[in-house]
mmCIF file of all heavy atoms, coordinates in Angstrom:
data_MODEL
# 
_entry.id   MODEL 
# 
loop_
_atom_site.group_PDB 
_atom_site.id 
_atom_site.type_symbol 
_atom_site.label_atom_id 
_atom_site.label_alt_id 
_atom_site.label_comp_id 
_atom_site.label_asym_id 
_atom_site.label_entity_id 
_atom_site.label_seq_id 
_atom_site.pdbx_PDB_ins_code 
_atom_site.Cartn_x 
_atom_site.Cartn_y 
_atom_site.Cartn_z 
_atom_site.occupancy 
_atom_site.B_iso_or_equiv 
_atom_site.pdbx_formal_charge 
_atom_site.auth_seq_id 
_atom_site.auth_comp_id 
_atom_site.auth_asym_id 
_atom_site.auth_atom_id 
_atom_site.pdbx_PDB_model_num 
ATOM 1   N N   . SER A 1 1  ? 0.814  -1.213  0.000   1.00 0.00 ? 1  SER A N   1 
ATOM 2   C CA  . SER A 1 1  ? 0.000  0.000   0.000   1.00 0.00 ? 1  SER A CA  1 
ATOM 3   C C   . SER A 1 1  ? 0.851  1.267   0.000   1.00 0.00 ? 1  SER A C   1 
ATOM 4   O O   . SER A 1 1  ? 0.362  2.337   -0.359  1.00 0.00 ? 1  SER A O   1 
ATOM 5   C CB  . SER A 1 1  ? -0.945 -0.001  1.206   1.00 0.00 ? 1  SER A CB  1 
ATOM 6   O OG  . SER A 1 1  ? -1.901 -1.025  1.081   1.00 0.00 ? 1  SER A OG  1 
ATOM 7   N N   . SER A 1 2  ? 2.097  1.158   0.410   1.00 0.00 ? 2  SER A N   1 
ATOM 8   C CA  . SER A 1 2  ? 2.967  2.339   0.395   1.00 0.00 ? 2  SER A CA  1 
ATOM 9   C C   . SER A 1 2  ? 3.911  2.353   -0.800  1.00 0.00 ? 2  SER A C   1 
ATOM 10  O O   . SER A 1 2  ? 4.666  3.307   -0.977  1.00 0.00 ? 2  SER A O   1 
ATOM 11  C CB  . SER A 1 2  ? 3.798  2.401   1.687   1.00 0.00 ? 2  SER A CB  1 
ATOM 12  O OG  . SER A 1 2  ? 4.593  1.243   1.831   1.00 0.00 ? 2  SER A OG  1 
ATOM 13  N N   . ALA A 1 3  ? 3.863  1.294   -1.621  1.00 0.00 ? 3  ALA A N   1 
ATOM 14  C CA  . ALA A 1 3  ? 4.742  1.228   -2.788  1.00 0.00 ? 3  ALA A CA  1 
ATOM 15  C C   . ALA A 1 3  ? 3.969  1.009   -4.081  1.00 0.00 ? 3  ALA A C   1 
ATOM 16  O O   . ALA A 1 3  ? 4.494  1.245   -5.160  1.00 0.00 ? 3  ALA A O   1 
ATOM 17  C CB  . ALA A 1 3  ? 5.758  0.096   -2.610  1.00 0.00 ? 3  ALA A CB  1 
ATOM 18  N N   . LEU A 1 4  ? 2.722  0.565   -3.984  1.00 0.00 ? 4  LEU A N   1 
ATOM 19  C CA  . LEU A 1 4  ? 1.908  0.198   -5.138  1.00 0.00 ? 4  LEU A CA  1 
ATOM 20  C C   . LEU A 1 4  ? 2.629  -0.885  -5.950  1.00 0.00 ? 4  LEU A C   1 
ATOM 21  O O   . LEU A 1 4  ? 2.750  -2.001  -5.487  1.00 0.00 ? 4  LEU A O   1 
ATOM 22  C CB  . LEU A 1 4  ? 1.564  1.428   -5.979  1.00 0.00 ? 4  LEU A CB  1 
ATOM 23  C CG  . LEU A 1 4  ? 0.766  2.525   -5.277  1.00 0.00 ? 4  LEU A CG  1 
ATOM 24  C CD1 . LEU A 1 4  ? 0.342  3.606   -6.270  1.00 0.00 ? 4  LEU A CD1 1 
ATOM 25  C CD2 . LEU A 1 4  ? -0.426 1.979   -4.535  1.00 0.00 ? 4  LEU A CD2 1 
ATOM 26  N N   . THR A 1 5  ? 3.135  -0.565  -7.128  1.00 0.00 ? 5  THR A N   1 
ATOM 27  C CA  . THR A 1 5  ? 3.810  -1.561  -7.957  1.00 0.00 ? 5  THR A CA  1 
ATOM 28  C C   . THR A 1 5  ? 5.225  -1.095  -8.262  1.00 0.00 ? 5  THR A C   1 
ATOM 29  O O   . THR A 1 5  ? 5.418  -0.035  -8.859  1.00 0.00 ? 5  THR A O   1 
ATOM 30  C CB  . THR A 1 5  ? 3.057  -1.771  -9.280  1.00 0.00 ? 5  THR A CB  1 
ATOM 31  O OG1 . THR A 1 5  ? 2.888  -0.517  -9.938  1.00 0.00 ? 5  THR A OG1 1 
ATOM 32  C CG2 . THR A 1 5  ? 1.689  -2.389  -9.024  1.00 0.00 ? 5  THR A CG2 1 
ATOM 33  N N   . CYS A 1 6  ? 6.211  -1.853  -7.834  1.00 0.00 ? 6  CYS A N   1 
ATOM 34  C CA  . CYS A 1 6  ? 7.612  -1.479  -8.021  1.00 0.00 ? 6  CYS A CA  1 
ATOM 35  C C   . CYS A 1 6  ? 8.338  -2.542  -8.846  1.00 0.00 ? 6  CYS A C   1 
ATOM 36  O O   . CYS A 1 6  ? 8.527  -3.682  -8.394  1.00 0.00 ? 6  CYS A O   1 
ATOM 37  C CB  . CYS A 1 6  ? 8.303  -1.306  -6.670  1.00 0.00 ? 6  CYS A CB  1 
ATOM 38  S SG  . CYS A 1 6  ? 7.721  0.129   -5.753  1.00 0.00 ? 6  CYS A SG  1 
ATOM 39  N N   . ARG A 1 7  ? 8.762  -2.154  -10.026 1.00 0.00 ? 7  ARG A N   1 
ATOM 40  C CA  . ARG A 1 7  ? 9.419  -3.056  -10.967 1.00 0.00 ? 7  ARG A CA  1 
ATOM 41  C C   . ARG A 1 7  ? 10.848 -3.356  -10.518 1.00 0.00 ? 7  ARG A C   1 
ATOM 42  O O   . ARG A 1 7  ? 11.589 -2.465  -10.099 1.00 0.00 ? 7  ARG A O   1 
ATOM 43  C CB  . ARG A 1 7  ? 9.432  -2.369  -12.332 1.00 0.00 ? 7  ARG A CB  1 
ATOM 44  C CG  . ARG A 1 7  ? 9.700  -3.240  -13.527 1.00 0.00 ? 7  ARG A CG  1 
ATOM 45  C CD  . ARG A 1 7  ? 9.662  -2.393  -14.787 1.00 0.00 ? 7  ARG A CD  1 
ATOM 46  N NE  . ARG A 1 7  ? 9.748  -3.183  -16.008 1.00 0.00 ? 7  ARG A NE  1 
ATOM 47  C CZ  . ARG A 1 7  ? 10.028 -2.668  -17.185 1.00 0.00 ? 7  ARG A CZ  1 
ATOM 48  N NH1 . ARG A 1 7  ? 10.241 -1.367  -17.315 1.00 0.00 ? 7  ARG A NH1 1 
ATOM 49  N NH2 . ARG A 1 7  ? 10.094 -3.457  -18.246 1.00 0.00 ? 7  ARG A NH2 1 
ATOM 50  N N   . VAL A 1 8  ? 11.251 -4.606  -10.612 1.00 0.00 ? 8  VAL A N   1 
ATOM 51  C CA  . VAL A 1 8  ? 12.577 -5.035  -10.163 1.00 0.00 ? 8  VAL A CA  1 
ATOM 52  C C   . VAL A 1 8  ? 13.473 -5.294  -11.371 1.00 0.00 ? 8  VAL A C   1 
ATOM 53  O O   . VAL A 1 8  ? 13.082 -5.984  -12.312 1.00 0.00 ? 8  VAL A O   1 
ATOM 54  C CB  . VAL A 1 8  ? 12.475 -6.310  -9.300  1.00 0.00 ? 8  VAL A CB  1 
ATOM 55  C CG1 . VAL A 1 8  ? 13.860 -6.799  -8.891  1.00 0.00 ? 8  VAL A CG1 1 
ATOM 56  C CG2 . VAL A 1 8  ? 11.619 -6.042  -8.063  1.00 0.00 ? 8  VAL A CG2 1 
ATOM 57  N N   . LYS A 1 9  ? 14.676 -4.740  -11.312 1.00 0.00 ? 9  LYS A N   1 
ATOM 58  C CA  . LYS A 1 9  ? 15.629 -4.918  -12.405 1.00 0.00 ? 9  LYS A CA  1 
ATOM 59  C C   . LYS A 1 9  ? 16.830 -5.776  -12.029 1.00 0.00 ? 9  LYS A C   1 
ATOM 60  O O   . LYS A 1 9  ? 17.576 -6.221  -12.907 1.00 0.00 ? 9  LYS A O   1 
ATOM 61  C CB  . LYS A 1 9  ? 16.123 -3.569  -12.904 1.00 0.00 ? 9  LYS A CB  1 
ATOM 62  C CG  . LYS A 1 9  ? 16.975 -2.784  -11.902 1.00 0.00 ? 9  LYS A CG  1 
ATOM 63  C CD  . LYS A 1 9  ? 17.481 -1.476  -12.505 1.00 0.00 ? 9  LYS A CD  1 
ATOM 64  C CE  . LYS A 1 9  ? 18.352 -0.694  -11.513 1.00 0.00 ? 9  LYS A CE  1 
ATOM 65  N NZ  . LYS A 1 9  ? 18.835 0.573   -12.109 1.00 0.00 ? 9  LYS A NZ  1 
ATOM 66  N N   . GLU A 1 10 ? 17.027 -6.005  -10.721 1.00 0.00 ? 10 GLU A N   1 
ATOM 67  C CA  . GLU A 1 10 ? 18.221 -6.731  -10.295 1.00 0.00 ? 10 GLU A CA  1 
ATOM 68  C C   . GLU A 1 10 ? 17.935 -7.492  -9.007  1.00 0.00 ? 10 GLU A C   1 
ATOM 69  O O   . GLU A 1 10 ? 17.308 -6.951  -8.091  1.00 0.00 ? 10 GLU A O   1 
ATOM 70  C CB  . GLU A 1 10 ? 19.376 -5.758  -10.073 1.00 0.00 ? 10 GLU A CB  1 
ATOM 71  C CG  . GLU A 1 10 ? 20.685 -6.383  -9.644  1.00 0.00 ? 10 GLU A CG  1 
ATOM 72  C CD  . GLU A 1 10 ? 21.765 -5.352  -9.398  1.00 0.00 ? 10 GLU A CD  1 
ATOM 73  O OE1 . GLU A 1 10 ? 22.141 -4.645  -10.355 1.00 0.00 ? 10 GLU A OE1 1 
ATOM 74  O OE2 . GLU A 1 10 ? 22.223 -5.242  -8.241  1.00 0.00 ? 10 GLU A OE2 1 
ATOM 75  N N   . ILE A 1 11 ? 18.378 -8.733  -8.929  1.00 0.00 ? 11 ILE A N   1 
ATOM 76  C CA  . ILE A 1 11 ? 18.260 -9.555  -7.725  1.00 0.00 ? 11 ILE A CA  1 
ATOM 77  C C   . ILE A 1 11 ? 19.606 -10.210 -7.454  1.00 0.00 ? 11 ILE A C   1 
ATOM 78  O O   . ILE A 1 11 ? 20.173 -10.869 -8.330  1.00 0.00 ? 11 ILE A O   1 
ATOM 79  C CB  . ILE A 1 11 ? 17.176 -10.636 -7.874  1.00 0.00 ? 11 ILE A CB  1 
ATOM 80  C CG1 . ILE A 1 11 ? 15.795 -10.001 -8.095  1.00 0.00 ? 11 ILE A CG1 1 
ATOM 81  C CG2 . ILE A 1 11 ? 17.141 -11.540 -6.637  1.00 0.00 ? 11 ILE A CG2 1 
ATOM 82  C CD1 . ILE A 1 11 ? 14.690 -11.013 -8.364  1.00 0.00 ? 11 ILE A CD1 1 
ATOM 83  N N   . ASP A 1 12 ? 20.122 -10.000 -6.256  1.00 0.00 ? 12 ASP A N   1 
ATOM 84  C CA  . ASP A 1 12 ? 21.427 -10.562 -5.869  1.00 0.00 ? 12 ASP A CA  1 
ATOM 85  C C   . ASP A 1 12 ? 22.510 -10.210 -6.888  1.00 0.00 ? 12 ASP A C   1 
ATOM 86  O O   . ASP A 1 12 ? 23.373 -11.040 -7.220  1.00 0.00 ? 12 ASP A O   1 
ATOM 87  C CB  . ASP A 1 12 ? 21.330 -12.080 -5.699  1.00 0.00 ? 12 ASP A CB  1 
ATOM 88  C CG  . ASP A 1 12 ? 20.484 -12.482 -4.495  1.00 0.00 ? 12 ASP A CG  1 
ATOM 89  O OD1 . ASP A 1 12 ? 20.358 -11.665 -3.571  1.00 0.00 ? 12 ASP A OD1 1 
ATOM 90  O OD2 . ASP A 1 12 ? 19.945 -13.600 -4.492  1.00 0.00 ? 12 ASP A OD2 1 
ATOM 91  N N   . GLY A 1 13 ? 22.445 -8.994  -7.409  1.00 0.00 ? 13 GLY A N   1 
ATOM 92  C CA  . GLY A 1 13 ? 23.458 -8.520  -8.344  1.00 0.00 ? 13 GLY A CA  1 
ATOM 93  C C   . GLY A 1 13 ? 23.295 -8.985  -9.769  1.00 0.00 ? 13 GLY A C   1 
ATOM 94  O O   . GLY A 1 13 ? 24.110 -8.656  -10.634 1.00 0.00 ? 13 GLY A O   1 
ATOM 95  N N   . LYS A 1 14 ? 22.225 -9.736  -10.053 1.00 0.00 ? 14 LYS A N   1 
ATOM 96  C CA  . LYS A 1 14 ? 21.994 -10.251 -11.404 1.00 0.00 ? 14 LYS A CA  1 
ATOM 97  C C   . LYS A 1 14 ? 20.790 -9.549  -12.034 1.00 0.00 ? 14 LYS A C   1 
ATOM 98  O O   . LYS A 1 14 ? 19.761 -9.348  -11.384 1.00 0.00 ? 14 LYS A O   1 
ATOM 99  C CB  . LYS A 1 14 ? 21.752 -11.754 -11.370 1.00 0.00 ? 14 LYS A CB  1 
ATOM 100 C CG  . LYS A 1 14 ? 22.920 -12.554 -10.807 1.00 0.00 ? 14 LYS A CG  1 
ATOM 101 C CD  . LYS A 1 14 ? 22.578 -14.032 -10.741 1.00 0.00 ? 14 LYS A CD  1 
ATOM 102 C CE  . LYS A 1 14 ? 23.728 -14.830 -10.138 1.00 0.00 ? 14 LYS A CE  1 
ATOM 103 N NZ  . LYS A 1 14 ? 23.397 -16.275 -10.017 1.00 0.00 ? 14 LYS A NZ  1 
ATOM 104 N N   . ALA A 1 15 ? 20.913 -9.188  -13.296 1.00 0.00 ? 15 ALA A N   1 
ATOM 105 C CA  . ALA A 1 15 ? 19.811 -8.546  -14.006 1.00 0.00 ? 15 ALA A CA  1 
ATOM 106 C C   . ALA A 1 15 ? 18.652 -9.518  -14.156 1.00 0.00 ? 15 ALA A C   1 
ATOM 107 O O   . ALA A 1 15 ? 18.854 -10.694 -14.484 1.00 0.00 ? 15 ALA A O   1 
ATOM 108 C CB  . ALA A 1 15 ? 20.277 -8.067  -15.378 1.00 0.00 ? 15 ALA A CB  1 
ATOM 109 N N   . VAL A 1 16 ? 17.434 -9.023  -13.904 1.00 0.00 ? 16 VAL A N   1 
ATOM 110 C CA  . VAL A 1 16 ? 16.238 -9.863  -14.043 1.00 0.00 ? 16 VAL A CA  1 
ATOM 111 C C   . VAL A 1 16 ? 15.148 -9.066  -14.748 1.00 0.00 ? 16 VAL A C   1 
ATOM 112 O O   . VAL A 1 16 ? 15.169 -7.838  -14.800 1.00 0.00 ? 16 VAL A O   1 
ATOM 113 C CB  . VAL A 1 16 ? 15.705 -10.344 -12.676 1.00 0.00 ? 16 VAL A CB  1 
ATOM 114 C CG1 . VAL A 1 16 ? 16.719 -11.216 -11.963 1.00 0.00 ? 16 VAL A CG1 1 
ATOM 115 C CG2 . VAL A 1 16 ? 15.301 -9.166  -11.810 1.00 0.00 ? 16 VAL A CG2 1 
ATOM 116 N N   . GLY A 1 17 ? 14.163 -9.795  -15.269 1.00 0.00 ? 17 GLY A N   1 
ATOM 117 C CA  . GLY A 1 17 ? 12.960 -9.175  -15.810 1.00 0.00 ? 17 GLY A CA  1 
ATOM 118 C C   . GLY A 1 17 ? 13.215 -8.143  -16.881 1.00 0.00 ? 17 GLY A C   1 
ATOM 119 O O   . GLY A 1 17 ? 14.094 -8.304  -17.736 1.00 0.00 ? 17 GLY A O   1 
ATOM 120 N N   . MET A 1 18 ? 12.377 -7.086  -16.841 1.00 0.00 ? 18 MET A N   1 
ATOM 121 C CA  . MET A 1 18 ? 12.484 -5.955  -17.768 1.00 0.00 ? 18 MET A CA  1 
ATOM 122 C C   . MET A 1 18 ? 12.259 -6.396  -19.212 1.00 0.00 ? 18 MET A C   1 
ATOM 123 O O   . MET A 1 18 ? 12.811 -5.815  -20.140 1.00 0.00 ? 18 MET A O   1 
ATOM 124 C CB  . MET A 1 18 ? 13.837 -5.250  -17.624 1.00 0.00 ? 18 MET A CB  1 
ATOM 125 C CG  . MET A 1 18 ? 14.239 -4.888  -16.191 1.00 0.00 ? 18 MET A CG  1 
ATOM 126 S SD  . MET A 1 18 ? 13.141 -3.710  -15.395 1.00 0.00 ? 18 MET A SD  1 
ATOM 127 C CE  . MET A 1 18 ? 13.688 -2.184  -16.160 1.00 0.00 ? 18 MET A CE  1 
ATOM 128 N N   . LYS A 1 19 ? 11.398 -7.430  -19.412 1.00 0.00 ? 19 LYS A N   1 
ATOM 129 C CA  . LYS A 1 19 ? 11.190 -7.970  -20.755 1.00 0.00 ? 19 LYS A CA  1 
ATOM 130 C C   . LYS A 1 19 ? 9.742  -7.868  -21.236 1.00 0.00 ? 19 LYS A C   1 
ATOM 131 O O   . LYS A 1 19 ? 9.456  -8.221  -22.374 1.00 0.00 ? 19 LYS A O   1 
ATOM 132 C CB  . LYS A 1 19 ? 11.624 -9.444  -20.808 1.00 0.00 ? 19 LYS A CB  1 
ATOM 133 C CG  . LYS A 1 19 ? 13.099 -9.674  -20.497 1.00 0.00 ? 19 LYS A CG  1 
ATOM 134 C CD  . LYS A 1 19 ? 13.393 -11.166 -20.406 1.00 0.00 ? 19 LYS A CD  1 
ATOM 135 C CE  . LYS A 1 19 ? 14.843 -11.416 -19.996 1.00 0.00 ? 19 LYS A CE  1 
ATOM 136 N NZ  . LYS A 1 19 ? 15.104 -12.873 -19.791 1.00 0.00 ? 19 LYS A NZ  1 
ATOM 137 N N   . ASP A 1 20 ? 8.847  -7.428  -20.341 1.00 0.00 ? 20 ASP A N   1 
ATOM 138 C CA  . ASP A 1 20 ? 7.440  -7.334  -20.733 1.00 0.00 ? 20 ASP A CA  1 
ATOM 139 C C   . ASP A 1 20 ? 6.842  -6.054  -20.149 1.00 0.00 ? 20 ASP A C   1 
ATOM 140 O O   . ASP A 1 20 ? 5.890  -6.090  -19.375 1.00 0.00 ? 20 ASP A O   1 
ATOM 141 C CB  . ASP A 1 20 ? 6.661  -8.567  -20.252 1.00 0.00 ? 20 ASP A CB  1 
ATOM 142 C CG  . ASP A 1 20 ? 5.247  -8.632  -20.812 1.00 0.00 ? 20 ASP A CG  1 
ATOM 143 O OD1 . ASP A 1 20 ? 4.872  -7.719  -21.586 1.00 0.00 ? 20 ASP A OD1 1 
ATOM 144 O OD2 . ASP A 1 20 ? 4.505  -9.569  -20.463 1.00 0.00 ? 20 ASP A OD2 1 
ATOM 145 N N   . GLU A 1 21 ? 7.427  -4.939  -20.560 1.00 0.00 ? 21 GLU A N   1 
ATOM 146 C CA  . GLU A 1 21 ? 6.987  -3.648  -20.026 1.00 0.00 ? 21 GLU A CA  1 
ATOM 147 C C   . GLU A 1 21 ? 5.523  -3.380  -20.350 1.00 0.00 ? 21 GLU A C   1 
ATOM 148 O O   . GLU A 1 21 ? 4.806  -2.763  -19.555 1.00 0.00 ? 21 GLU A O   1 
ATOM 149 C CB  . GLU A 1 21 ? 7.855  -2.517  -20.572 1.00 0.00 ? 21 GLU A CB  1 
ATOM 150 C CG  . GLU A 1 21 ? 7.485  -1.152  -20.014 1.00 0.00 ? 21 GLU A CG  1 
ATOM 151 C CD  . GLU A 1 21 ? 8.434  -0.071  -20.467 1.00 0.00 ? 21 GLU A CD  1 
ATOM 152 O OE1 . GLU A 1 21 ? 9.298  -0.334  -21.322 1.00 0.00 ? 21 GLU A OE1 1 
ATOM 153 O OE2 . GLU A 1 21 ? 8.310  1.055   -19.950 1.00 0.00 ? 21 GLU A OE2 1 
ATOM 154 N N   . LYS A 1 22 ? 5.060  -3.866  -21.493 1.00 0.00 ? 22 LYS A N   1 
ATOM 155 C CA  . LYS A 1 22 ? 3.684  -3.598  -21.896 1.00 0.00 ? 22 LYS A CA  1 
ATOM 156 C C   . LYS A 1 22 ? 2.690  -4.149  -20.881 1.00 0.00 ? 22 LYS A C   1 
ATOM 157 O O   . LYS A 1 22 ? 1.770  -3.437  -20.444 1.00 0.00 ? 22 LYS A O   1 
ATOM 158 C CB  . LYS A 1 22 ? 3.409  -4.202  -23.276 1.00 0.00 ? 22 LYS A CB  1 
ATOM 159 C CG  . LYS A 1 22 ? 1.997  -3.947  -23.785 1.00 0.00 ? 22 LYS A CG  1 
ATOM 160 C CD  . LYS A 1 22 ? 1.795  -4.545  -25.174 1.00 0.00 ? 22 LYS A CD  1 
ATOM 161 C CE  . LYS A 1 22 ? 0.370  -4.306  -25.676 1.00 0.00 ? 22 LYS A CE  1 
ATOM 162 N NZ  . LYS A 1 22 ? 0.155  -4.895  -27.032 1.00 0.00 ? 22 LYS A NZ  1 
ATOM 163 N N   . THR A 1 23 ? 2.845  -5.409  -20.485 1.00 0.00 ? 23 THR A N   1 
ATOM 164 C CA  . THR A 1 23 ? 1.915  -6.004  -19.525 1.00 0.00 ? 23 THR A CA  1 
ATOM 165 C C   . THR A 1 23 ? 2.061  -5.359  -18.162 1.00 0.00 ? 23 THR A C   1 
ATOM 166 O O   . THR A 1 23 ? 1.061  -5.036  -17.496 1.00 0.00 ? 23 THR A O   1 
ATOM 167 C CB  . THR A 1 23 ? 2.143  -7.520  -19.414 1.00 0.00 ? 23 THR A CB  1 
ATOM 168 O OG1 . THR A 1 23 ? 2.027  -8.111  -20.707 1.00 0.00 ? 23 THR A OG1 1 
ATOM 169 C CG2 . THR A 1 23 ? 1.127  -8.154  -18.482 1.00 0.00 ? 23 THR A CG2 1 
ATOM 170 N N   . PHE A 1 24 ? 3.312  -5.166  -17.715 1.00 0.00 ? 24 PHE A N   1 
ATOM 171 C CA  . PHE A 1 24 ? 3.519  -4.528  -16.419 1.00 0.00 ? 24 PHE A CA  1 
ATOM 172 C C   . PHE A 1 24 ? 2.914  -3.136  -16.400 1.00 0.00 ? 24 PHE A C   1 
ATOM 173 O O   . PHE A 1 24 ? 2.249  -2.747  -15.430 1.00 0.00 ? 24 PHE A O   1 
ATOM 174 C CB  . PHE A 1 24 ? 5.010  -4.457  -16.077 1.00 0.00 ? 24 PHE A CB  1 
ATOM 175 C CG  . PHE A 1 24 ? 5.278  -3.637  -14.839 1.00 0.00 ? 24 PHE A CG  1 
ATOM 176 C CD1 . PHE A 1 24 ? 5.009  -4.161  -13.580 1.00 0.00 ? 24 PHE A CD1 1 
ATOM 177 C CD2 . PHE A 1 24 ? 5.756  -2.334  -14.935 1.00 0.00 ? 24 PHE A CD2 1 
ATOM 178 C CE1 . PHE A 1 24 ? 5.221  -3.397  -12.436 1.00 0.00 ? 24 PHE A CE1 1 
ATOM 179 C CE2 . PHE A 1 24 ? 5.975  -1.572  -13.796 1.00 0.00 ? 24 PHE A CE2 1 
ATOM 180 C CZ  . PHE A 1 24 ? 5.710  -2.106  -12.543 1.00 0.00 ? 24 PHE A CZ  1 
ATOM 181 N N   . ALA A 1 25 ? 3.111  -2.361  -17.462 1.00 0.00 ? 25 ALA A N   1 
ATOM 182 C CA  . ALA A 1 25 ? 2.600  -0.993  -17.510 1.00 0.00 ? 25 ALA A CA  1 
ATOM 183 C C   . ALA A 1 25 ? 1.080  -0.962  -17.465 1.00 0.00 ? 25 ALA A C   1 
ATOM 184 O O   . ALA A 1 25 ? 0.486  -0.044  -16.887 1.00 0.00 ? 25 ALA A O   1 
ATOM 185 C CB  . ALA A 1 25 ? 3.105  -0.287  -18.760 1.00 0.00 ? 25 ALA A CB  1 
ATOM 186 N N   . ARG A 1 26 ? 0.432  -1.950  -18.049 1.00 0.00 ? 26 ARG A N   1 
ATOM 187 C CA  . ARG A 1 26 ? -1.036 -2.004  -17.981 1.00 0.00 ? 26 ARG A CA  1 
ATOM 188 C C   . ARG A 1 26 ? -1.493 -2.141  -16.530 1.00 0.00 ? 26 ARG A C   1 
ATOM 189 O O   . ARG A 1 26 ? -2.444 -1.472  -16.101 1.00 0.00 ? 26 ARG A O   1 
ATOM 190 C CB  . ARG A 1 26 ? -1.562 -3.178  -18.806 1.00 0.00 ? 26 ARG A CB  1 
ATOM 191 C CG  . ARG A 1 26 ? -1.388 -3.032  -20.302 1.00 0.00 ? 26 ARG A CG  1 
ATOM 192 C CD  . ARG A 1 26 ? -1.902 -4.275  -21.015 1.00 0.00 ? 26 ARG A CD  1 
ATOM 193 N NE  . ARG A 1 26 ? -3.369 -4.377  -20.922 1.00 0.00 ? 26 ARG A NE  1 
ATOM 194 C CZ  . ARG A 1 26 ? -4.041 -5.510  -21.004 1.00 0.00 ? 26 ARG A CZ  1 
ATOM 195 N NH1 . ARG A 1 26 ? -3.390 -6.672  -21.153 1.00 0.00 ? 26 ARG A NH1 1 
ATOM 196 N NH2 . ARG A 1 26 ? -5.365 -5.520  -20.926 1.00 0.00 ? 26 ARG A NH2 1 
ATOM 197 N N   . ILE A 1 27 ? -0.817 -2.994  -15.775 1.00 0.00 ? 27 ILE A N   1 
ATOM 198 C CA  . ILE A 1 27 ? -1.156 -3.176  -14.364 1.00 0.00 ? 27 ILE A CA  1 
ATOM 199 C C   . ILE A 1 27 ? -0.838 -1.918  -13.572 1.00 0.00 ? 27 ILE A C   1 
ATOM 200 O O   . ILE A 1 27 ? -1.665 -1.418  -12.805 1.00 0.00 ? 27 ILE A O   1 
ATOM 201 C CB  . ILE A 1 27 ? -0.406 -4.388  -13.787 1.00 0.00 ? 27 ILE A CB  1 
ATOM 202 C CG1 . ILE A 1 27 ? -0.816 -5.671  -14.512 1.00 0.00 ? 27 ILE A CG1 1 
ATOM 203 C CG2 . ILE A 1 27 ? -0.649 -4.511  -12.284 1.00 0.00 ? 27 ILE A CG2 1 
ATOM 204 C CD1 . ILE A 1 27 ? 0.038  -6.870  -14.176 1.00 0.00 ? 27 ILE A CD1 1 
ATOM 205 N N   . ARG A 1 28 ? 0.364  -1.396  -13.754 1.00 0.00 ? 28 ARG A N   1 
ATOM 206 C CA  . ARG A 1 28 ? 0.789  -0.192  -13.022 1.00 0.00 ? 28 ARG A CA  1 
ATOM 207 C C   . ARG A 1 28 ? -0.151 0.977   -13.285 1.00 0.00 ? 28 ARG A C   1 
ATOM 208 O O   . ARG A 1 28 ? -0.603 1.660   -12.357 1.00 0.00 ? 28 ARG A O   1 
ATOM 209 C CB  . ARG A 1 28 ? 2.206  0.187   -13.456 1.00 0.00 ? 28 ARG A CB  1 
ATOM 210 C CG  . ARG A 1 28 ? 2.752  1.456   -12.803 1.00 0.00 ? 28 ARG A CG  1 
ATOM 211 C CD  . ARG A 1 28 ? 3.942  1.982   -13.599 1.00 0.00 ? 28 ARG A CD  1 
ATOM 212 N NE  . ARG A 1 28 ? 3.535  2.386   -14.938 1.00 0.00 ? 28 ARG A NE  1 
ATOM 213 C CZ  . ARG A 1 28 ? 4.360  2.394   -15.990 1.00 0.00 ? 28 ARG A CZ  1 
ATOM 214 N NH1 . ARG A 1 28 ? 5.608  1.998   -15.860 1.00 0.00 ? 28 ARG A NH1 1 
ATOM 215 N NH2 . ARG A 1 28 ? 3.909  2.778   -17.176 1.00 0.00 ? 28 ARG A NH2 1 
ATOM 216 N N   . ASP A 1 29 ? -0.465 1.234   -14.545 1.00 0.00 ? 29 ASP A N   1 
ATOM 217 C CA  . ASP A 1 29 ? -1.288 2.385   -14.895 1.00 0.00 ? 29 ASP A CA  1 
ATOM 218 C C   . ASP A 1 29 ? -2.723 2.227   -14.403 1.00 0.00 ? 29 ASP A C   1 
ATOM 219 O O   . ASP A 1 29 ? -3.368 3.206   -13.999 1.00 0.00 ? 29 ASP A O   1 
ATOM 220 C CB  . ASP A 1 29 ? -1.259 2.621   -16.403 1.00 0.00 ? 29 ASP A CB  1 
ATOM 221 C CG  . ASP A 1 29 ? 0.125  3.007   -16.911 1.00 0.00 ? 29 ASP A CG  1 
ATOM 222 O OD1 . ASP A 1 29 ? 0.995  3.334   -16.079 1.00 0.00 ? 29 ASP A OD1 1 
ATOM 223 O OD2 . ASP A 1 29 ? 0.339  2.975   -18.139 1.00 0.00 ? 29 ASP A OD2 1 
# 
């Protein structure tokens, strides 16, 4: 409730995700 939707680009120093911005953006918006 204090962050809403926060996209993650890195986990344990490794790049992750960032491959389906269209679907994520629909949810975020």
